[in-house]
């Protein structure tokens, strides 16, 4: 039986590591289509529930306009109101 579903994963040391548990038998063969997300530091949460809560929190910030994900980073002078 073929199933299709999306998962979020981190590529680390040649291995794709799912962000949340995946319901597949061990050594199951899959086909991956990779959509690389924007750069920046990656925070790895050992607890999948904690990772989910963090993603939801960041999404809520973006939706409320508290967090602007589309802007350029501020320069050091701009952060310290020097320029």
N, C-alpha and C. Protein backbone atom coordinates (compact mmCIF):
# COMPACT_ATOMS: atom_id res chain seq x y z
N UNK A 1 0.84 -1.17 0.00
CA UNK A 1 0.00 0.00 0.00
C UNK A 1 0.90 1.24 0.00
N UNK A 2 0.70 2.15 -0.95
CA UNK A 2 1.46 3.39 -1.02
C UNK A 2 0.77 4.45 -0.17
N UNK A 3 1.56 5.16 0.63
CA UNK A 3 1.06 6.28 1.42
C UNK A 3 1.90 7.50 1.09
N UNK A 4 1.30 8.67 1.19
CA UNK A 4 2.03 9.90 0.97
C UNK A 4 1.73 10.87 2.10
N UNK A 5 2.77 11.41 2.72
CA UNK A 5 2.60 12.39 3.78
C UNK A 5 3.87 13.22 3.88
N UNK A 6 3.76 14.40 4.46
CA UNK A 6 4.89 15.31 4.62
C UNK A 6 5.47 15.19 6.01
N UNK A 7 6.79 15.28 6.09
CA UNK A 7 7.46 15.36 7.38
C UNK A 7 8.51 16.46 7.30
N UNK A 8 8.85 17.04 8.43
CA UNK A 8 9.95 17.99 8.50
C UNK A 8 11.14 17.23 9.07
N UNK A 9 12.30 17.47 8.47
CA UNK A 9 13.50 16.75 8.90
C UNK A 9 14.70 17.67 8.81
N UNK A 10 15.75 17.28 9.51
CA UNK A 10 17.03 17.98 9.46
C UNK A 10 18.05 17.02 8.86
N UNK A 11 18.83 17.53 7.92
CA UNK A 11 19.89 16.72 7.31
C UNK A 11 21.13 16.88 8.17
N UNK A 12 21.65 15.79 8.71
CA UNK A 12 22.77 15.87 9.64
C UNK A 12 23.68 14.67 9.43
N UNK A 13 24.90 14.92 9.04
CA UNK A 13 25.88 13.84 8.90
C UNK A 13 25.47 12.79 7.88
N UNK A 14 24.82 13.21 6.80
CA UNK A 14 24.41 12.28 5.76
C UNK A 14 23.10 11.56 6.03
N UNK A 15 22.40 11.95 7.10
CA UNK A 15 21.15 11.28 7.48
C UNK A 15 20.04 12.32 7.63
N UNK A 16 18.85 12.02 7.12
CA UNK A 16 17.68 12.87 7.35
C UNK A 16 17.05 12.46 8.67
N UNK A 17 16.98 13.38 9.61
CA UNK A 17 16.42 13.09 10.93
C UNK A 17 15.07 13.79 11.07
N UNK A 18 13.97 13.01 11.17
CA UNK A 18 12.63 13.61 11.28
C UNK A 18 12.50 14.43 12.55
N UNK A 19 11.73 15.53 12.44
CA UNK A 19 11.49 16.40 13.60
C UNK A 19 10.49 15.76 14.56
N UNK A 20 9.63 14.91 14.06
CA UNK A 20 8.62 14.25 14.88
C UNK A 20 8.61 12.76 14.54
N UNK A 21 8.07 11.91 15.41
CA UNK A 21 8.02 10.48 15.12
C UNK A 21 7.29 10.19 13.81
N UNK A 22 7.78 9.19 13.09
CA UNK A 22 7.20 8.81 11.80
C UNK A 22 6.70 7.38 11.91
N UNK A 23 5.49 7.15 11.46
CA UNK A 23 4.88 5.83 11.54
C UNK A 23 5.25 5.00 10.31
N UNK A 24 6.46 4.46 10.33
CA UNK A 24 6.94 3.59 9.25
C UNK A 24 7.67 2.41 9.87
N UNK A 25 7.62 1.26 9.22
CA UNK A 25 8.40 0.14 9.73
C UNK A 25 9.89 0.41 9.54
N UNK A 26 10.71 -0.20 10.39
CA UNK A 26 12.14 -0.04 10.30
C UNK A 26 12.64 -0.49 8.92
N UNK A 27 13.55 0.27 8.34
CA UNK A 27 14.16 0.00 7.03
C UNK A 27 13.18 0.11 5.87
N UNK A 28 12.06 0.82 6.09
CA UNK A 28 11.09 1.04 5.00
C UNK A 28 11.76 1.90 3.93
N UNK A 29 11.51 1.58 2.67
CA UNK A 29 12.05 2.38 1.56
C UNK A 29 11.08 3.51 1.28
N UNK A 30 11.63 4.72 1.12
CA UNK A 30 10.82 5.90 0.85
C UNK A 30 11.48 6.70 -0.26
N UNK A 31 10.71 7.60 -0.87
CA UNK A 31 11.25 8.54 -1.85
C UNK A 31 11.10 9.94 -1.25
N UNK A 32 12.18 10.69 -1.22
CA UNK A 32 12.17 12.02 -0.63
C UNK A 32 12.21 13.09 -1.70
N UNK A 33 11.42 14.13 -1.52
CA UNK A 33 11.53 15.34 -2.31
C UNK A 33 11.94 16.42 -1.33
N UNK A 34 13.08 17.04 -1.53
CA UNK A 34 13.63 17.97 -0.57
C UNK A 34 13.34 19.40 -0.98
N UNK A 35 12.80 20.18 -0.05
CA UNK A 35 12.58 21.62 -0.21
C UNK A 35 13.41 22.28 0.89
N UNK A 36 14.57 22.81 0.53
CA UNK A 36 15.45 23.41 1.53
C UNK A 36 14.85 24.70 2.05
N UNK A 37 14.80 24.83 3.37
CA UNK A 37 14.29 26.03 4.00
C UNK A 37 15.43 27.02 4.20
N UNK A 38 15.07 28.27 4.50
CA UNK A 38 16.06 29.33 4.66
C UNK A 38 17.15 28.98 5.64
N UNK A 39 18.28 29.64 5.45
CA UNK A 39 19.45 29.39 6.29
C UNK A 39 19.26 29.86 7.71
N UNK A 40 20.36 29.97 8.40
CA UNK A 40 20.32 30.41 9.78
C UNK A 40 20.57 29.25 10.72
N UNK A 41 20.73 29.55 11.97
CA UNK A 41 21.02 28.49 12.93
C UNK A 41 19.83 27.55 13.10
N UNK A 42 20.13 26.32 13.40
CA UNK A 42 19.10 25.31 13.61
C UNK A 42 19.11 24.90 15.08
N UNK A 43 17.94 24.91 15.68
CA UNK A 43 17.80 24.46 17.06
C UNK A 43 17.20 23.06 17.01
N UNK A 44 17.87 22.11 17.64
CA UNK A 44 17.39 20.74 17.65
C UNK A 44 16.77 20.45 19.02
N UNK A 45 15.51 20.08 19.01
CA UNK A 45 14.80 19.75 20.23
C UNK A 45 14.75 18.22 20.37
N UNK A 46 15.27 17.68 21.46
CA UNK A 46 15.22 16.23 21.62
C UNK A 46 13.79 15.71 21.81
N UNK A 47 12.90 16.56 22.30
CA UNK A 47 11.52 16.16 22.54
C UNK A 47 10.64 16.66 21.38
N UNK A 48 10.06 15.77 20.57
CA UNK A 48 9.24 16.21 19.44
C UNK A 48 8.09 17.12 19.83
N UNK A 49 7.49 16.92 21.00
CA UNK A 49 6.40 17.78 21.44
C UNK A 49 6.91 19.20 21.72
N UNK A 50 8.09 19.30 22.29
CA UNK A 50 8.69 20.61 22.53
C UNK A 50 8.98 21.31 21.20
N UNK A 51 9.44 20.56 20.21
CA UNK A 51 9.71 21.12 18.88
C UNK A 51 8.41 21.64 18.25
N UNK A 52 7.33 20.89 18.39
CA UNK A 52 6.05 21.31 17.83
C UNK A 52 5.56 22.59 18.49
N UNK A 53 5.66 22.65 19.82
CA UNK A 53 5.24 23.85 20.54
C UNK A 53 6.06 25.07 20.12
N UNK A 54 7.36 24.89 19.93
CA UNK A 54 8.22 26.00 19.51
C UNK A 54 7.83 26.48 18.12
N UNK A 55 7.56 25.55 17.18
CA UNK A 55 7.14 25.95 15.83
C UNK A 55 5.83 26.73 15.87
N UNK A 56 4.89 26.27 16.68
CA UNK A 56 3.60 26.96 16.80
C UNK A 56 3.77 28.36 17.39
N UNK A 57 4.66 28.50 18.37
CA UNK A 57 4.92 29.80 18.98
C UNK A 57 5.49 30.77 17.94
N UNK A 58 6.49 30.34 17.17
CA UNK A 58 7.09 31.20 16.14
C UNK A 58 6.06 31.56 15.07
N UNK A 59 5.21 30.60 14.69
CA UNK A 59 4.16 30.89 13.70
C UNK A 59 3.21 31.96 14.24
N UNK A 60 2.84 31.86 15.52
CA UNK A 60 1.92 32.85 16.10
C UNK A 60 2.57 34.23 16.14
N UNK A 61 3.87 34.30 16.42
CA UNK A 61 4.57 35.59 16.39
C UNK A 61 4.49 36.20 14.99
N UNK A 62 4.76 35.39 13.97
CA UNK A 62 4.74 35.89 12.60
C UNK A 62 3.33 36.35 12.21
N UNK A 63 2.31 35.58 12.58
CA UNK A 63 0.93 35.92 12.23
C UNK A 63 0.47 37.22 12.91
N UNK A 64 0.96 37.49 14.12
CA UNK A 64 0.57 38.69 14.86
C UNK A 64 1.42 39.90 14.47
N UNK A 65 2.41 39.69 13.60
CA UNK A 65 3.27 40.80 13.21
C UNK A 65 4.34 41.13 14.23
N UNK A 66 4.49 40.27 15.23
CA UNK A 66 5.52 40.49 16.25
C UNK A 66 6.89 40.18 15.68
N UNK A 67 6.93 39.28 14.74
CA UNK A 67 8.18 38.80 14.15
C UNK A 67 8.11 39.00 12.65
N UNK A 68 9.01 39.77 12.09
CA UNK A 68 9.05 40.00 10.65
C UNK A 68 10.08 39.05 10.04
N UNK A 69 9.63 38.03 9.36
CA UNK A 69 10.53 37.04 8.79
C UNK A 69 11.07 37.44 7.43
N UNK A 70 10.60 38.57 6.88
CA UNK A 70 11.01 38.92 5.53
C UNK A 70 12.04 40.04 5.45
N UNK A 71 12.38 40.64 6.55
CA UNK A 71 13.28 41.79 6.51
C UNK A 71 14.75 41.40 6.51
N UNK A 72 15.58 42.38 6.20
CA UNK A 72 17.02 42.14 6.24
C UNK A 72 17.51 42.26 7.68
N UNK A 73 18.61 41.61 8.00
CA UNK A 73 19.16 41.75 9.35
C UNK A 73 19.67 43.16 9.57
N UNK A 74 19.54 43.66 10.78
CA UNK A 74 20.06 44.97 11.12
C UNK A 74 21.59 44.92 11.22
N UNK A 75 22.23 46.03 10.88
CA UNK A 75 23.67 46.13 11.07
C UNK A 75 23.95 46.36 12.55
N UNK A 76 25.20 46.20 12.93
CA UNK A 76 25.57 46.44 14.32
C UNK A 76 25.26 47.88 14.72
N UNK A 77 25.60 48.84 13.83
CA UNK A 77 25.32 50.25 14.13
C UNK A 77 23.83 50.49 14.29
N UNK A 78 23.01 49.86 13.44
CA UNK A 78 21.56 50.05 13.55
C UNK A 78 21.03 49.47 14.85
N UNK A 79 21.55 48.35 15.26
CA UNK A 79 21.10 47.72 16.51
C UNK A 79 21.44 48.60 17.71
N UNK A 80 22.56 49.31 17.62
CA UNK A 80 22.99 50.14 18.73
C UNK A 80 22.72 51.62 18.49
N UNK A 81 21.85 51.90 17.50
CA UNK A 81 21.41 53.25 17.18
C UNK A 81 22.58 54.19 16.95
N UNK A 82 23.61 53.69 16.27
CA UNK A 82 24.78 54.53 15.97
C UNK A 82 24.69 55.12 14.58
N UNK A 83 23.81 54.61 13.75
CA UNK A 83 23.86 55.09 12.37
C UNK A 83 22.59 55.32 11.73
